PDB file of all heavy atoms in Angstrom:
ATOM      1  N   GLU A   1     -72.711  74.651  39.462  1.00  0.00           N
ATOM      2  CA  GLU A   1     -74.112  74.512  39.125  1.00  0.00           C
ATOM      3  C   GLU A   1     -74.384  73.231  38.352  1.00  0.00           C
ATOM      4  O   GLU A   1     -75.388  72.551  38.591  1.00  0.00           O
ATOM      5  CB  GLU A   1     -74.581  75.742  38.322  1.00  0.00           C
ATOM      6  CG  GLU A   1     -74.602  77.023  39.149  1.00  0.00           C
ATOM      7  CD  GLU A   1     -75.121  78.189  38.343  1.00  0.00           C
ATOM      8  OE1 GLU A   1     -75.249  78.046  37.084  1.00  0.00           O
ATOM      9  OE2 GLU A   1     -75.401  79.260  38.919  1.00  0.00           O
ATOM     10  N   ALA A   2     -73.498  72.891  37.419  1.00  0.00           N
ATOM     11  CA  ALA A   2     -73.732  71.663  36.639  1.00  0.00           C
ATOM     12  C   ALA A   2     -73.705  70.434  37.525  1.00  0.00           C
ATOM     13  O   ALA A   2     -74.541  69.530  37.393  1.00  0.00           O
ATOM     14  CB  ALA A   2     -72.695  71.577  35.523  1.00  0.00           C
ATOM     15  N   ALA A   3     -72.721  70.383  38.426  1.00  0.00           N
ATOM     16  CA  ALA A   3     -72.637  69.241  39.355  1.00  0.00           C
ATOM     17  C   ALA A   3     -73.836  69.204  40.301  1.00  0.00           C
ATOM     18  O   ALA A   3     -74.354  68.125  40.622  1.00  0.00           O
ATOM     19  CB  ALA A   3     -71.339  69.296  40.130  1.00  0.00           C
ATOM     20  N   MET A   4     -74.308  70.363  40.724  1.00  0.00           N
ATOM     21  CA  MET A   4     -75.463  70.408  41.630  1.00  0.00           C
ATOM     22  C   MET A   4     -76.726  69.927  40.919  1.00  0.00           C
ATOM     23  O   MET A   4     -77.515  69.169  41.490  1.00  0.00           O
ATOM     24  CB  MET A   4     -75.655  71.835  42.156  1.00  0.00           C
ATOM     25  CG  MET A   4     -76.731  71.986  43.197  1.00  0.00           C
ATOM     26  SD  MET A   4     -76.818  73.686  43.815  1.00  0.00           S
ATOM     27  CE  MET A   4     -78.034  73.490  45.124  1.00  0.00           C
ATOM     28  N   LEU A   5     -76.920  70.354  39.681  1.00  0.00           N
ATOM     29  CA  LEU A   5     -78.071  69.892  38.916  1.00  0.00           C
ATOM     30  C   LEU A   5     -77.994  68.391  38.675  1.00  0.00           C
ATOM     31  O   LEU A   5     -78.991  67.658  38.790  1.00  0.00           O
ATOM     32  CB  LEU A   5     -78.154  70.651  37.591  1.00  0.00           C
ATOM     33  CG  LEU A   5     -79.265  70.225  36.621  1.00  0.00           C
ATOM     34  CD1 LEU A   5     -80.634  70.426  37.268  1.00  0.00           C
ATOM     35  CD2 LEU A   5     -79.163  71.009  35.331  1.00  0.00           C
ATOM     36  N   ARG A   6     -76.804  67.907  38.358  1.00  0.00           N
ATOM     37  CA  ARG A   6     -76.630  66.474  38.115  1.00  0.00           C
ATOM     38  C   ARG A   6     -76.945  65.678  39.382  1.00  0.00           C
ATOM     39  O   ARG A   6     -77.567  64.612  39.332  1.00  0.00           O
ATOM     40  CB  ARG A   6     -75.188  66.209  37.655  1.00  0.00           C
ATOM     41  CG  ARG A   6     -74.964  64.794  37.128  1.00  0.00           C
ATOM     42  CD  ARG A   6     -73.521  64.589  36.704  1.00  0.00           C
ATOM     43  NE  ARG A   6     -73.076  65.643  35.796  1.00  0.00           N
ATOM     44  CZ  ARG A   6     -72.158  66.550  36.126  1.00  0.00           C
ATOM     45  NH1 ARG A   6     -71.588  66.535  37.321  1.00  0.00           N
ATOM     46  NH2 ARG A   6     -71.803  67.481  35.271  1.00  0.00           N
ATOM     47  N   LEU A   7     -76.493  66.186  40.534  1.00  0.00           N
ATOM     48  CA  LEU A   7     -76.776  65.501  41.803  1.00  0.00           C
ATOM     49  C   LEU A   7     -78.265  65.457  42.098  1.00  0.00           C
ATOM     50  O   LEU A   7     -78.821  64.409  42.497  1.00  0.00           O
ATOM     51  CB  LEU A   7     -76.038  66.213  42.944  1.00  0.00           C
ATOM     52  CG  LEU A   7     -76.365  65.749  44.368  1.00  0.00           C
ATOM     53  CD1 LEU A   7     -75.944  64.294  44.557  1.00  0.00           C
ATOM     54  CD2 LEU A   7     -75.708  66.647  45.403  1.00  0.00           C
ATOM     55  N   ALA A   8     -78.959  66.586  41.886  1.00  0.00           N
ATOM     56  CA  ALA A   8     -80.386  66.635  42.155  1.00  0.00           C
ATOM     57  C   ALA A   8     -81.150  65.664  41.270  1.00  0.00           C
ATOM     58  O   ALA A   8     -82.094  64.980  41.745  1.00  0.00           O
ATOM     59  CB  ALA A   8     -80.900  68.060  41.986  1.00  0.00           C
ATOM     60  N   LEU A   9     -80.785  65.584  40.001  1.00  0.00           N
ATOM     61  CA  LEU A   9     -81.509  64.688  39.078  1.00  0.00           C
ATOM     62  C   LEU A   9     -81.158  63.238  39.317  1.00  0.00           C
ATOM     63  O   LEU A   9     -82.019  62.351  39.271  1.00  0.00           O
ATOM     64  CB  LEU A   9     -81.177  65.089  37.645  1.00  0.00           C
ATOM     65  CG  LEU A   9     -81.612  66.497  37.205  1.00  0.00           C
ATOM     66  CD1 LEU A   9     -81.188  66.743  35.772  1.00  0.00           C
ATOM     67  CD2 LEU A   9     -83.101  66.685  37.359  1.00  0.00           C
ATOM     68  N   THR A  10     -79.873  62.968  39.574  1.00  0.00           N
ATOM     69  CA  THR A  10     -79.433  61.580  39.719  1.00  0.00           C
ATOM     70  C   THR A  10     -80.064  60.909  40.931  1.00  0.00           C
ATOM     71  O   THR A  10     -80.528  59.757  40.860  1.00  0.00           O
ATOM     72  CB  THR A  10     -77.890  61.531  39.833  1.00  0.00           C
ATOM     73  OG1 THR A  10     -77.315  62.128  38.672  1.00  0.00           O
ATOM     74  CG2 THR A  10     -77.409  60.116  39.964  1.00  0.00           C
ATOM     75  N   ARG A  11     -80.096  61.611  42.057  1.00  0.00           N
ATOM     76  CA  ARG A  11     -80.637  60.970  43.263  1.00  0.00           C
ATOM     77  C   ARG A  11     -82.130  60.752  43.169  1.00  0.00           C
ATOM     78  O   ARG A  11     -82.674  59.820  43.750  1.00  0.00           O
ATOM     79  CB  ARG A  11     -80.264  61.774  44.504  1.00  0.00           C
ATOM     80  CG  ARG A  11     -80.904  63.136  44.608  1.00  0.00           C
ATOM     81  CD  ARG A  11     -80.462  63.812  45.886  1.00  0.00           C
ATOM     82  NE  ARG A  11     -81.209  65.032  46.160  1.00  0.00           N
ATOM     83  CZ  ARG A  11     -81.085  65.762  47.256  1.00  0.00           C
ATOM     84  NH1 ARG A  11     -80.233  65.384  48.196  1.00  0.00           N
ATOM     85  NH2 ARG A  11     -81.790  66.858  47.440  1.00  0.00           N
ATOM     86  N   LEU A  12     -82.852  61.630  42.423  1.00  0.00           N
ATOM     87  CA  LEU A  12     -84.290  61.409  42.245  1.00  0.00           C
ATOM     88  C   LEU A  12     -84.559  60.268  41.277  1.00  0.00           C
ATOM     89  O   LEU A  12     -85.494  59.477  41.471  1.00  0.00           O
ATOM     90  CB  LEU A  12     -84.964  62.691  41.756  1.00  0.00           C
ATOM     91  CG  LEU A  12     -85.037  63.834  42.782  1.00  0.00           C
ATOM     92  CD1 LEU A  12     -85.729  65.051  42.181  1.00  0.00           C
ATOM     93  CD2 LEU A  12     -85.765  63.390  44.039  1.00  0.00           C
ATOM     94  N   ARG A  13     -83.761  60.180  40.217  1.00  0.00           N
ATOM     95  CA  ARG A  13     -83.944  59.062  39.276  1.00  0.00           C
ATOM     96  C   ARG A  13     -83.570  57.733  39.909  1.00  0.00           C
ATOM     97  O   ARG A  13     -84.139  56.709  39.560  1.00  0.00           O
ATOM     98  CB  ARG A  13     -83.113  59.341  38.041  1.00  0.00           C
ATOM     99  CG  ARG A  13     -83.673  60.455  37.150  1.00  0.00           C
ATOM    100  CD  ARG A  13     -82.708  60.933  36.099  1.00  0.00           C
ATOM    101  NE  ARG A  13     -83.293  62.033  35.313  1.00  0.00           N
ATOM    102  CZ  ARG A  13     -82.587  62.807  34.506  1.00  0.00           C
ATOM    103  NH1 ARG A  13     -81.272  62.625  34.367  1.00  0.00           N
ATOM    104  NH2 ARG A  13     -83.183  63.781  33.823  1.00  0.00           N
ATOM    105  N   ALA A  14     -82.622  57.766  40.855  1.00  0.00           N
ATOM    106  CA  ALA A  14     -82.294  56.544  41.566  1.00  0.00           C
ATOM    107  C   ALA A  14     -83.451  56.072  42.441  1.00  0.00           C
ATOM    108  O   ALA A  14     -83.552  54.878  42.773  1.00  0.00           O
ATOM    109  CB  ALA A  14     -81.045  56.760  42.420  1.00  0.00           C
ATOM    110  N   LEU A  15     -84.344  57.009  42.817  1.00  0.00           N
ATOM    111  CA  LEU A  15     -85.541  56.658  43.586  1.00  0.00           C
ATOM    112  C   LEU A  15     -86.746  56.349  42.689  1.00  0.00           C
ATOM    113  O   LEU A  15     -87.864  56.289  43.180  1.00  0.00           O
ATOM    114  CB  LEU A  15     -85.887  57.806  44.543  1.00  0.00           C
ATOM    115  CG  LEU A  15     -84.820  58.155  45.589  1.00  0.00           C
ATOM    116  CD1 LEU A  15     -85.214  59.409  46.345  1.00  0.00           C
ATOM    117  CD2 LEU A  15     -84.616  57.016  46.526  1.00  0.00           C
ATOM    118  N   ASN A  16     -86.485  56.208  41.375  1.00  0.00           N
ATOM    119  CA  ASN A  16     -87.521  55.877  40.385  1.00  0.00           C
ATOM    120  C   ASN A  16     -88.526  56.993  40.188  1.00  0.00           C
ATOM    121  O   ASN A  16     -89.712  56.758  39.912  1.00  0.00           O
ATOM    122  CB  ASN A  16     -88.245  54.576  40.775  1.00  0.00           C
ATOM    123  CG  ASN A  16     -87.322  53.365  40.791  1.00  0.00           C
ATOM    124  OD1 ASN A  16     -86.443  53.260  39.964  1.00  0.00           O
ATOM    125  ND2 ASN A  16     -87.552  52.485  41.762  1.00  0.00           N
ATOM    126  N   TYR A  17     -88.065  58.231  40.287  1.00  0.00           N
ATOM    127  CA  TYR A  17     -88.893  59.382  39.962  1.00  0.00           C
ATOM    128  C   TYR A  17     -88.536  59.874  38.567  1.00  0.00           C
ATOM    129  O   TYR A  17     -87.357  60.013  38.225  1.00  0.00           O
ATOM    130  CB  TYR A  17     -88.693  60.523  40.950  1.00  0.00           C
ATOM    131  CG  TYR A  17     -89.352  60.318  42.282  1.00  0.00           C
ATOM    132  CD1 TYR A  17     -88.584  60.098  43.420  1.00  0.00           C
ATOM    133  CD2 TYR A  17     -90.733  60.346  42.420  1.00  0.00           C
ATOM    134  CE1 TYR A  17     -89.185  59.902  44.661  1.00  0.00           C
ATOM    135  CE2 TYR A  17     -91.342  60.149  43.647  1.00  0.00           C
ATOM    136  CZ  TYR A  17     -90.560  59.941  44.754  1.00  0.00           C
ATOM    137  OH  TYR A  17     -91.152  59.742  45.978  1.00  0.00           O
ATOM    138  N   SER A  18     -89.524  60.160  37.743  1.00  0.00           N
ATOM    139  CA  SER A  18     -89.311  60.834  36.462  1.00  0.00           C
ATOM    140  C   SER A  18     -89.129  62.316  36.753  1.00  0.00           C
ATOM    141  O   SER A  18     -90.002  62.964  37.335  1.00  0.00           O
ATOM    142  CB  SER A  18     -90.499  60.617  35.524  1.00  0.00           C
ATOM    143  OG  SER A  18     -90.718  59.242  35.291  1.00  0.00           O
ATOM    144  N   VAL A  19     -88.015  62.895  36.323  1.00  0.00           N
ATOM    145  CA  VAL A  19     -87.685  64.273  36.723  1.00  0.00           C
ATOM    146  C   VAL A  19     -86.886  64.944  35.615  1.00  0.00           C
ATOM    147  O   VAL A  19     -86.117  64.303  34.893  1.00  0.00           O
ATOM    148  CB  VAL A  19     -86.908  64.294  38.046  1.00  0.00           C
ATOM    149  CG1 VAL A  19     -85.602  63.530  37.927  1.00  0.00           C
ATOM    150  CG2 VAL A  19     -86.661  65.700  38.526  1.00  0.00           C
ATOM    151  N   ALA A  20     -87.111  66.229  35.477  1.00  0.00           N
ATOM    152  CA  ALA A  20     -86.311  67.093  34.614  1.00  0.00           C
ATOM    153  C   ALA A  20     -86.004  68.358  35.424  1.00  0.00           C
ATOM    154  O   ALA A  20     -86.773  68.746  36.313  1.00  0.00           O
ATOM    155  CB  ALA A  20     -87.052  67.434  33.329  1.00  0.00           C
ATOM    156  N   GLY A  21     -84.900  69.001  35.110  1.00  0.00           N
ATOM    157  CA  GLY A  21     -84.500  70.176  35.885  1.00  0.00           C
ATOM    158  C   GLY A  21     -83.725  71.163  35.047  1.00  0.00           C
ATOM    159  O   GLY A  21     -83.251  70.870  33.958  1.00  0.00           O
ATOM    160  N   ALA A  22     -83.643  72.384  35.576  1.00  0.00           N
ATOM    161  CA  ALA A  22     -82.909  73.447  34.908  1.00  0.00           C
ATOM    162  C   ALA A  22     -82.496  74.484  35.942  1.00  0.00           C
ATOM    163  O   ALA A  22     -83.173  74.676  36.963  1.00  0.00           O
ATOM    164  CB  ALA A  22     -83.753  74.100  33.807  1.00  0.00           C
ATOM    165  N   ILE A  23     -81.381  75.151  35.668  1.00  0.00           N
ATOM    166  CA  ILE A  23     -80.897  76.278  36.477  1.00  0.00           C
ATOM    167  C   ILE A  23     -80.880  77.505  35.596  1.00  0.00           C
ATOM    168  O   ILE A  23     -80.330  77.472  34.485  1.00  0.00           O
ATOM    169  CB  ILE A  23     -79.494  75.986  37.043  1.00  0.00           C
ATOM    170  CG1 ILE A  23     -79.550  74.790  38.014  1.00  0.00           C
ATOM    171  CG2 ILE A  23     -78.941  77.212  37.755  1.00  0.00           C
ATOM    172  CD1 ILE A  23     -78.206  74.424  38.602  1.00  0.00           C
ATOM    173  N   ALA A  24     -81.499  78.583  36.076  1.00  0.00           N
ATOM    174  CA  ALA A  24     -81.648  79.799  35.271  1.00  0.00           C
ATOM    175  C   ALA A  24     -81.641  81.017  36.179  1.00  0.00           C
ATOM    176  O   ALA A  24     -81.768  80.895  37.417  1.00  0.00           O
ATOM    177  CB  ALA A  24     -82.950  79.732  34.461  1.00  0.00           C
ATOM    178  N   PRO A  25     -81.507  82.211  35.588  1.00  0.00           N
ATOM    179  CA  PRO A  25     -81.456  83.435  36.415  1.00  0.00           C
ATOM    180  C   PRO A  25     -82.788  83.841  37.004  1.00  0.00           C
ATOM    181  O   PRO A  25     -82.845  84.668  37.922  1.00  0.00           O
ATOM    182  CB  PRO A  25     -80.932  84.506  35.454  1.00  0.00           C
ATOM    183  CG  PRO A  25     -80.388  83.788  34.288  1.00  0.00           C
ATOM    184  CD  PRO A  25     -81.163  82.510  34.200  1.00  0.00           C
ATOM    185  N   THR A  26     -83.911  83.344  36.492  1.00  0.00           N
ATOM    186  CA  THR A  26     -85.249  83.715  36.991  1.00  0.00           C
ATOM    187  C   THR A  26     -86.054  82.452  37.264  1.00  0.00           C
ATOM    188  O   THR A  26     -85.797  81.367  36.716  1.00  0.00           O
ATOM    189  CB  THR A  26     -85.999  84.604  35.978  1.00  0.00           C
ATOM    190  OG1 THR A  26     -86.257  83.834  34.791  1.00  0.00           O
ATOM    191  CG2 THR A  26     -85.180  85.845  35.598  1.00  0.00           C
ATOM    192  N   ILE A  27     -87.079  82.634  38.101  1.00  0.00           N
ATOM    193  CA  ILE A  27     -87.971  81.509  38.414  1.00  0.00           C
ATOM    194  C   ILE A  27     -88.738  81.085  37.175  1.00  0.00           C
ATOM    195  O   ILE A  27     -88.876  79.886  36.885  1.00  0.00           O
ATOM    196  CB  ILE A  27     -88.944  81.917  39.543  1.00  0.00           C
ATOM    197  CG1 ILE A  27     -88.161  82.166  40.846  1.00  0.00           C
ATOM    198  CG2 ILE A  27     -90.006  80.851  39.758  1.00  0.00           C
ATOM    199  CD1 ILE A  27     -89.018  82.667  41.996  1.00  0.00           C
ATOM    200  N   GLY A  28     -89.231  82.069  36.411  1.00  0.00           N
ATOM    201  CA  GLY A  28     -89.998  81.726  35.210  1.00  0.00           C
ATOM    202  C   GLY A  28     -89.167  80.984  34.173  1.00  0.00           C
ATOM    203  O   GLY A  28     -89.641  80.057  33.537  1.00  0.00           O
ATOM    204  N   ALA A  29     -87.906  81.387  34.015  1.00  0.00           N
ATOM    205  CA  ALA A  29     -87.046  80.699  33.057  1.00  0.00           C
ATOM    206  C   ALA A  29     -86.713  79.285  33.507  1.00  0.00           C
ATOM    207  O   ALA A  29     -86.710  78.349  32.699  1.00  0.00           O
ATOM    208  CB  ALA A  29     -85.776  81.519  32.843  1.00  0.00           C
ATOM    209  N   ALA A  30     -86.445  79.104  34.801  1.00  0.00           N
ATOM    210  CA  ALA A  30     -86.146  77.751  35.291  1.00  0.00           C
ATOM    211  C   ALA A  30     -87.347  76.834  35.133  1.00  0.00           C
ATOM    212  O   ALA A  30     -87.215  75.670  34.764  1.00  0.00           O
ATOM    213  CB  ALA A  30     -85.722  77.832  36.760  1.00  0.00           C
ATOM    214  N   TRP A  31     -88.545  77.364  35.390  1.00  0.00           N
ATOM    215  CA  TRP A  31     -89.754  76.545  35.201  1.00  0.00           C
ATOM    216  C   TRP A  31     -89.965  76.202  33.735  1.00  0.00           C
ATOM    217  O   TRP A  31     -90.289  75.059  33.387  1.00  0.00           O
ATOM    218  CB  TRP A  31     -90.973  77.308  35.753  1.00  0.00           C
ATOM    219  CG  TRP A  31     -92.228  76.521  35.813  1.00  0.00           C
ATOM    220  CD1 TRP A  31     -92.705  75.809  36.868  1.00  0.00           C
ATOM    221  CD2 TRP A  31     -93.202  76.358  34.753  1.00  0.00           C
ATOM    222  NE1 TRP A  31     -93.894  75.232  36.553  1.00  0.00           N
ATOM    223  CE2 TRP A  31     -94.225  75.542  35.277  1.00  0.00           C
ATOM    224  CE3 TRP A  31     -93.282  76.833  33.466  1.00  0.00           C
ATOM    225  CZ2 TRP A  31     -95.330  75.168  34.503  1.00  0.00           C
ATOM    226  CZ3 TRP A  31     -94.387  76.452  32.691  1.00  0.00           C
ATOM    227  CH2 TRP A  31     -95.404  75.651  33.214  1.00  0.00           C
ATOM    228  N   ALA A  32     -89.773  77.184  32.847  1.00  0.00           N
ATOM    229  CA  ALA A  32     -90.021  76.987  31.426  1.00  0.00           C
ATOM    230  C   ALA A  32     -89.037  75.967  30.843  1.00  0.00           C
ATOM    231  O   ALA A  32     -89.453  75.052  30.101  1.00  0.00           O
ATOM    232  CB  ALA A  32     -89.911  78.314  30.688  1.00  0.00           C
ATOM    233  N   VAL A  33     -87.747  76.091  31.154  1.00  0.00           N
ATOM    234  CA  VAL A  33     -86.768  75.185  30.580  1.00  0.00           C
ATOM    235  C   VAL A  33     -86.956  73.781  31.118  1.00  0.00           C
ATOM    236  O   VAL A  33     -86.814  72.788  30.382  1.00  0.00           O
ATOM    237  CB  VAL A  33     -85.350  75.709  30.885  1.00  0.00           C
ATOM    238  CG1 VAL A  33     -84.288  74.738  30.409  1.00  0.00           C
ATOM    239  CG2 VAL A  33     -85.138  77.068  30.193  1.00  0.00           C
ATOM    240  N   SER A  34     -87.264  73.643  32.427  1.00  0.00           N
ATOM    241  CA  SER A  34     -87.459  72.303  32.996  1.00  0.00           C
ATOM    242  C   SER A  34     -88.668  71.598  32.414  1.00  0.00           C
ATOM    243  O   SER A  34     -88.696  70.359  32.349  1.00  0.00           O
ATOM    244  CB  SER A  34     -87.578  72.403  34.525  1.00  0.00           C
ATOM    245  OG  SER A  34     -88.748  73.122  34.887  1.00  0.00           O
ATOM    246  N   HIS A  35     -89.655  72.358  31.939  1.00  0.00           N
ATOM    247  CA  HIS A  35     -90.871  71.747  31.382  1.00  0.00           C
ATOM    248  C   HIS A  35     -90.768  71.480  29.900  1.00  0.00           C
ATOM    249  O   HIS A  35     -91.331  70.488  29.408  1.00  0.00           O
ATOM    250  CB  HIS A  35     -92.079  72.653  31.658  1.00  0.00           C
ATOM    251  CG  HIS A  35     -92.675  72.480  33.014  1.00  0.00           C
ATOM    252  ND1 HIS A  35     -93.908  71.925  33.246  1.00  0.00           N
ATOM    253  CD2 HIS A  35     -92.201  72.817  34.239  1.00  0.00           C
ATOM    254  CE1 HIS A  35     -94.182  71.905  34.529  1.00  0.00           C
ATOM    255  NE2 HIS A  35     -93.163  72.455  35.159  1.00  0.00           N
ATOM    256  N   PHE A  36     -90.105  72.375  29.129  1.00  0.00           N
ATOM    257  CA  PHE A  36     -90.204  72.322  27.675  1.00  0.00           C
ATOM    258  C   PHE A  36     -88.846  72.232  26.973  1.00  0.00           C
ATOM    259  O   PHE A  36     -88.771  72.452  25.773  1.00  0.00           O
ATOM    260  CB  PHE A  36     -90.956  73.569  27.166  1.00  0.00           C
ATOM    261  CG  PHE A  36     -92.368  73.646  27.659  1.00  0.00           C
ATOM    262  CD1 PHE A  36     -92.687  74.369  28.778  1.00  0.00           C
ATOM    263  CD2 PHE A  36     -93.385  72.987  26.987  1.00  0.00           C
ATOM    264  CE1 PHE A  36     -94.005  74.440  29.234  1.00  0.00           C
ATOM    265  CE2 PHE A  36     -94.693  73.060  27.424  1.00  0.00           C
ATOM    266  CZ  PHE A  36     -95.011  73.765  28.556  1.00  0.00           C
ATOM    267  N   ALA A  37     -87.790  71.936  27.714  1.00  0.00           N
ATOM    268  CA  ALA A  37     -86.478  71.750  27.103  1.00  0.00           C
ATOM    269  C   ALA A  37     -85.738  70.688  27.885  1.00  0.00           C
ATOM    270  O   ALA A  37     -86.208  70.212  28.926  1.00  0.00           O
ATOM    271  CB  ALA A  37     -85.701  73.070  27.065  1.00  0.00           C
TER     272      ALA A  37
END
């Protein structure tokens, strides 16, 4: 999971996109952590 998250963020930042991400057990938790942590 850590490598997958790193891959998703790295390739988007290489395309000059501002991005944050998170992996969590629920949709609400993944959305909350990616926005506010």
